[in-house]
Every structure is written in structure tokens, then in C-alpha cells.
Amino acid sequence: MKNILIFALFGIVACSSPKEKTQIVEASCGQCKFGLNSQQGCDLAIKIDQNAYFIDGAHIDDFGDAHDKNIGFCNVVRKAEVTGKVENGRFKATSFKIIEE
């Protein structure tokens, strides 16, 4: 009986944690383009359902100069395919790929 209770509790905890999913999002500088002000400096962020989140697992300069006038995240909003989940107000990414248009 004790083992059944432990397995049931484990199942509830496993099902209640947010699952990672893959989705297409807008990606840009959180401060310059999405109006986030919870930290200073230029940092990569994504927008999901009109909510912007700073991202952990990818850096703003991983995809070229952030201030490049044509592709830089501080100047343009780009599309990205991301996998991860929102945790504590930040997006924890396990993958981040720019979608070229």
C-alpha cells in the first residue's frame, strides 16, 4: 500500500511540471524591442502569446552582432523555432534556431 501511494504521488508531481514544447516565436532584444526592463543591457528575449521572456540557453550575440542594422536583435525582430519551457518568468531553452525568411 505504501508503494502504491509513493508511485501515485510521483505520477502527480511528474504530470504537474511544465513540459517542454517546440514552437515558433518572435525573438529580439528584450530591452530594445520588447520593452523589458527587469535587467540592464541588451539580452535575448522571445515573445509567446504577446508575453515577452528573457531566454536562458541562447545568447544575443550567438547569431551575429546584436547591433547589426539588418539582422541584429537590437534592430529587428526575427522568427525562431525554440524548444523549452517558461520557468520563474524566464524561458529555459533546450534549442533555439533562427528561421530565415
N, C-alpha and C. Protein backbone atom coordinates (compact mmCIF):
# COMPACT_ATOMS: atom_id res chain seq x y z
N MET A 1 0.83 -1.20 0.00
CA MET A 1 0.00 0.00 0.00
C MET A 1 0.87 1.26 0.00
N LYS A 2 1.94 1.23 0.77
CA LYS A 2 2.85 2.38 0.85
C LYS A 2 3.48 2.65 -0.52
N ASN A 3 3.85 1.57 -1.23
CA ASN A 3 4.46 1.73 -2.56
C ASN A 3 3.47 2.33 -3.56
N ILE A 4 2.22 1.93 -3.48
CA ILE A 4 1.21 2.48 -4.38
C ILE A 4 1.05 3.97 -4.15
N LEU A 5 1.04 4.39 -2.89
CA LEU A 5 0.91 5.80 -2.55
C LEU A 5 2.11 6.58 -3.07
N ILE A 6 3.30 6.04 -2.93
CA ILE A 6 4.51 6.71 -3.42
C ILE A 6 4.47 6.86 -4.94
N PHE A 7 4.09 5.81 -5.66
CA PHE A 7 4.00 5.88 -7.12
C PHE A 7 2.92 6.86 -7.56
N ALA A 8 1.81 6.90 -6.86
CA ALA A 8 0.74 7.83 -7.20
C ALA A 8 1.21 9.28 -7.01
N LEU A 9 1.90 9.54 -5.92
CA LEU A 9 2.42 10.87 -5.65
C LEU A 9 3.45 11.27 -6.70
N PHE A 10 4.32 10.35 -7.05
CA PHE A 10 5.33 10.61 -8.09
C PHE A 10 4.65 10.94 -9.42
N GLY A 11 3.61 10.22 -9.77
CA GLY A 11 2.88 10.47 -11.01
C GLY A 11 2.24 11.84 -11.04
N ILE A 12 1.68 12.26 -9.92
CA ILE A 12 1.05 13.58 -9.84
C ILE A 12 2.09 14.67 -10.02
N VAL A 13 3.22 14.53 -9.36
CA VAL A 13 4.30 15.52 -9.47
C VAL A 13 4.84 15.56 -10.90
N ALA A 14 5.04 14.41 -11.51
CA ALA A 14 5.57 14.36 -12.88
C ALA A 14 4.61 15.00 -13.87
N CYS A 15 3.34 14.81 -13.69
CA CYS A 15 2.34 15.37 -14.61
C CYS A 15 2.11 16.86 -14.39
N SER A 16 2.42 17.37 -13.21
CA SER A 16 2.14 18.77 -12.92
C SER A 16 3.26 19.69 -13.35
N SER A 17 4.46 19.17 -13.63
CA SER A 17 5.55 20.05 -14.05
C SER A 17 5.36 20.43 -15.51
N PRO A 18 5.71 21.69 -15.86
CA PRO A 18 5.52 22.13 -17.23
C PRO A 18 6.38 21.31 -18.19
N LYS A 19 5.82 20.96 -19.33
CA LYS A 19 6.52 20.17 -20.33
C LYS A 19 7.16 21.10 -21.35
N GLU A 20 8.31 20.67 -21.85
CA GLU A 20 8.93 21.40 -22.94
C GLU A 20 8.13 21.20 -24.21
N LYS A 21 8.07 22.23 -25.02
CA LYS A 21 7.44 22.08 -26.31
C LYS A 21 8.17 22.93 -27.32
N THR A 22 8.04 22.56 -28.59
CA THR A 22 8.66 23.30 -29.68
C THR A 22 7.62 24.22 -30.29
N GLN A 23 8.03 25.47 -30.54
CA GLN A 23 7.11 26.46 -31.09
C GLN A 23 7.86 27.52 -31.88
N ILE A 24 7.14 28.21 -32.74
CA ILE A 24 7.68 29.33 -33.50
C ILE A 24 7.35 30.61 -32.74
N VAL A 25 8.37 31.44 -32.51
CA VAL A 25 8.20 32.65 -31.70
C VAL A 25 8.89 33.84 -32.37
N GLU A 26 8.61 35.02 -31.87
CA GLU A 26 9.38 36.21 -32.23
C GLU A 26 10.57 36.27 -31.29
N ALA A 27 11.73 36.65 -31.81
CA ALA A 27 12.93 36.76 -30.99
C ALA A 27 13.60 38.10 -31.27
N SER A 28 14.07 38.75 -30.22
CA SER A 28 14.72 40.03 -30.38
C SER A 28 15.38 40.42 -29.05
N CYS A 29 15.86 41.65 -29.00
CA CYS A 29 16.41 42.18 -27.75
C CYS A 29 15.26 42.52 -26.82
N GLY A 30 15.31 42.00 -25.63
CA GLY A 30 14.24 42.23 -24.66
C GLY A 30 14.07 43.70 -24.31
N GLN A 31 15.19 44.42 -24.19
CA GLN A 31 15.12 45.82 -23.82
C GLN A 31 14.79 46.71 -25.02
N CYS A 32 15.49 46.50 -26.15
CA CYS A 32 15.34 47.40 -27.30
C CYS A 32 14.02 47.22 -28.04
N LYS A 33 13.54 45.99 -28.15
CA LYS A 33 12.37 45.73 -28.99
C LYS A 33 11.12 45.28 -28.24
N PHE A 34 11.30 44.65 -27.08
CA PHE A 34 10.13 44.13 -26.36
C PHE A 34 9.80 44.93 -25.10
N GLY A 35 10.59 45.95 -24.78
CA GLY A 35 10.28 46.82 -23.65
C GLY A 35 10.48 46.20 -22.28
N LEU A 36 11.25 45.13 -22.19
CA LEU A 36 11.53 44.53 -20.87
C LEU A 36 12.56 45.39 -20.15
N ASN A 37 12.38 45.58 -18.86
CA ASN A 37 13.31 46.42 -18.12
C ASN A 37 13.75 45.80 -16.79
N SER A 38 13.60 44.50 -16.66
CA SER A 38 13.95 43.85 -15.39
C SER A 38 15.45 43.59 -15.25
N GLN A 39 16.22 43.84 -16.31
CA GLN A 39 17.67 43.75 -16.23
C GLN A 39 18.26 44.75 -17.20
N GLN A 40 19.53 45.10 -16.99
CA GLN A 40 20.16 46.12 -17.81
C GLN A 40 20.98 45.49 -18.92
N GLY A 41 21.18 46.22 -19.99
CA GLY A 41 21.96 45.75 -21.12
C GLY A 41 21.09 45.00 -22.10
N CYS A 42 21.66 44.71 -23.25
CA CYS A 42 20.93 44.03 -24.31
C CYS A 42 20.99 42.52 -24.10
N ASP A 43 19.82 41.90 -24.02
CA ASP A 43 19.72 40.46 -23.79
C ASP A 43 18.63 39.88 -24.67
N LEU A 44 18.85 38.65 -25.12
CA LEU A 44 17.91 37.96 -25.99
C LEU A 44 16.62 37.63 -25.25
N ALA A 45 15.51 37.83 -25.94
CA ALA A 45 14.20 37.51 -25.38
C ALA A 45 13.32 36.95 -26.49
N ILE A 46 12.26 36.29 -26.09
CA ILE A 46 11.28 35.79 -27.06
C ILE A 46 9.90 36.24 -26.63
N LYS A 47 8.99 36.24 -27.58
CA LYS A 47 7.60 36.62 -27.30
C LYS A 47 6.71 35.43 -27.62
N ILE A 48 5.95 34.99 -26.60
CA ILE A 48 5.00 33.90 -26.74
C ILE A 48 3.64 34.44 -26.33
N ASP A 49 2.66 34.35 -27.21
CA ASP A 49 1.30 34.82 -26.91
C ASP A 49 1.29 36.22 -26.31
N GLN A 50 2.02 37.13 -26.93
CA GLN A 50 2.09 38.54 -26.54
C GLN A 50 2.83 38.78 -25.22
N ASN A 51 3.42 37.74 -24.62
CA ASN A 51 4.22 37.90 -23.40
C ASN A 51 5.68 37.70 -23.76
N ALA A 52 6.55 38.61 -23.30
CA ALA A 52 7.97 38.53 -23.57
C ALA A 52 8.71 37.94 -22.38
N TYR A 53 9.71 37.12 -22.68
CA TYR A 53 10.51 36.46 -21.65
C TYR A 53 11.99 36.51 -22.05
N PHE A 54 12.84 36.86 -21.09
CA PHE A 54 14.27 36.69 -21.35
C PHE A 54 14.52 35.20 -21.47
N ILE A 55 15.56 34.85 -22.23
CA ILE A 55 15.82 33.45 -22.53
C ILE A 55 17.14 33.00 -21.93
N ASP A 56 17.13 31.83 -21.36
CA ASP A 56 18.35 31.15 -20.90
C ASP A 56 18.60 30.00 -21.86
N GLY A 57 19.84 29.83 -22.30
CA GLY A 57 20.16 28.75 -23.22
C GLY A 57 20.57 29.25 -24.60
N ALA A 58 20.48 30.54 -24.83
CA ALA A 58 20.95 31.17 -26.07
C ALA A 58 21.34 32.61 -25.71
N HIS A 59 22.36 33.13 -26.38
CA HIS A 59 22.86 34.47 -26.10
C HIS A 59 22.60 35.37 -27.30
N ILE A 60 22.39 36.63 -27.05
CA ILE A 60 22.04 37.59 -28.10
C ILE A 60 23.11 37.66 -29.19
N ASP A 61 24.38 37.46 -28.86
CA ASP A 61 25.45 37.54 -29.86
C ASP A 61 25.78 36.20 -30.50
N ASP A 62 25.06 35.15 -30.16
CA ASP A 62 25.28 33.84 -30.79
C ASP A 62 24.88 33.84 -32.26
N PHE A 63 24.14 34.84 -32.69
CA PHE A 63 23.57 34.86 -34.04
C PHE A 63 24.02 36.08 -34.82
N GLY A 64 25.22 36.56 -34.53
CA GLY A 64 25.77 37.74 -35.18
C GLY A 64 25.74 38.94 -34.25
N ASP A 65 26.22 40.06 -34.76
CA ASP A 65 26.28 41.29 -33.98
C ASP A 65 24.87 41.77 -33.65
N ALA A 66 24.59 41.91 -32.38
CA ALA A 66 23.25 42.31 -31.93
C ALA A 66 22.85 43.69 -32.45
N HIS A 67 23.83 44.51 -32.84
CA HIS A 67 23.53 45.86 -33.29
C HIS A 67 23.65 46.03 -34.81
N ASP A 68 23.80 44.93 -35.52
CA ASP A 68 23.81 44.99 -36.99
C ASP A 68 22.46 45.55 -37.45
N LYS A 69 22.48 46.50 -38.39
CA LYS A 69 21.22 47.17 -38.76
C LYS A 69 20.26 46.26 -39.53
N ASN A 70 20.76 45.18 -40.16
CA ASN A 70 19.89 44.31 -40.95
C ASN A 70 19.41 43.06 -40.23
N ILE A 71 20.26 42.48 -39.37
CA ILE A 71 19.88 41.22 -38.71
C ILE A 71 20.03 41.26 -37.20
N GLY A 72 20.58 42.33 -36.66
CA GLY A 72 20.84 42.40 -35.22
C GLY A 72 19.57 42.45 -34.40
N PHE A 73 19.55 41.69 -33.32
CA PHE A 73 18.35 41.61 -32.47
C PHE A 73 17.98 42.94 -31.83
N CYS A 74 18.90 43.88 -31.73
CA CYS A 74 18.55 45.18 -31.17
C CYS A 74 17.86 46.08 -32.19
N ASN A 75 17.86 45.65 -33.45
CA ASN A 75 17.25 46.44 -34.51
C ASN A 75 16.08 45.77 -35.22
N VAL A 76 16.03 44.46 -35.19
CA VAL A 76 14.95 43.74 -35.87
C VAL A 76 14.40 42.63 -34.99
N VAL A 77 13.15 42.29 -35.25
CA VAL A 77 12.53 41.14 -34.61
C VAL A 77 12.59 40.00 -35.62
N ARG A 78 13.11 38.85 -35.20
CA ARG A 78 13.27 37.72 -36.09
C ARG A 78 12.40 36.56 -35.61
N LYS A 79 12.14 35.62 -36.48
CA LYS A 79 11.39 34.40 -36.12
C LYS A 79 12.39 33.33 -35.71
N ALA A 80 12.00 32.54 -34.72
CA ALA A 80 12.85 31.45 -34.26
C ALA A 80 12.00 30.25 -33.88
N GLU A 81 12.59 29.08 -34.03
CA GLU A 81 11.97 27.85 -33.54
C GLU A 81 12.68 27.50 -32.25
N VAL A 82 11.93 27.44 -31.17
CA VAL A 82 12.52 27.17 -29.86
C VAL A 82 11.87 25.95 -29.22
N THR A 83 12.65 25.28 -28.41
CA THR A 83 12.14 24.21 -27.57
C THR A 83 12.52 24.55 -26.15
N GLY A 84 11.59 24.43 -25.24
CA GLY A 84 11.86 24.73 -23.85
C GLY A 84 10.57 24.98 -23.10
N LYS A 85 10.71 25.66 -21.96
CA LYS A 85 9.54 25.96 -21.14
C LYS A 85 9.79 27.21 -20.32
N VAL A 86 8.71 27.86 -19.92
CA VAL A 86 8.78 29.03 -19.07
C VAL A 86 8.89 28.56 -17.63
N GLU A 87 9.91 29.09 -16.94
CA GLU A 87 10.14 28.78 -15.53
C GLU A 87 10.57 30.04 -14.82
N ASN A 88 9.89 30.39 -13.75
CA ASN A 88 10.23 31.56 -12.95
C ASN A 88 10.34 32.83 -13.79
N GLY A 89 9.44 33.01 -14.74
CA GLY A 89 9.40 34.21 -15.54
C GLY A 89 10.44 34.31 -16.64
N ARG A 90 11.17 33.23 -16.90
CA ARG A 90 12.18 33.18 -17.96
C ARG A 90 11.93 31.96 -18.82
N PHE A 91 12.36 32.02 -20.08
CA PHE A 91 12.21 30.87 -20.95
C PHE A 91 13.51 30.08 -20.91
N LYS A 92 13.43 28.83 -20.48
CA LYS A 92 14.58 27.93 -20.42
C LYS A 92 14.62 27.13 -21.71
N ALA A 93 15.54 27.49 -22.61
CA ALA A 93 15.60 26.87 -23.93
C ALA A 93 16.56 25.69 -23.96
N THR A 94 16.11 24.62 -24.59
CA THR A 94 17.00 23.49 -24.88
C THR A 94 17.42 23.51 -26.33
N SER A 95 16.69 24.28 -27.17
CA SER A 95 17.12 24.54 -28.54
C SER A 95 16.58 25.88 -29.00
N PHE A 96 17.33 26.53 -29.88
CA PHE A 96 16.98 27.83 -30.41
C PHE A 96 17.55 27.91 -31.82
N LYS A 97 16.67 28.06 -32.82
CA LYS A 97 17.10 28.09 -34.21
C LYS A 97 16.40 29.23 -34.93
N ILE A 98 17.17 30.09 -35.57
CA ILE A 98 16.61 31.18 -36.35
C ILE A 98 15.97 30.63 -37.61
N ILE A 99 14.79 31.14 -37.93
CA ILE A 99 14.10 30.76 -39.16
C ILE A 99 14.34 31.88 -40.16
N GLU A 100 15.07 31.58 -41.20
CA GLU A 100 15.36 32.58 -42.23
C GLU A 100 14.13 32.79 -43.10
N GLU A 101 13.78 34.03 -43.33
CA GLU A 101 12.59 34.34 -44.14
C GLU A 101 12.98 34.77 -45.53
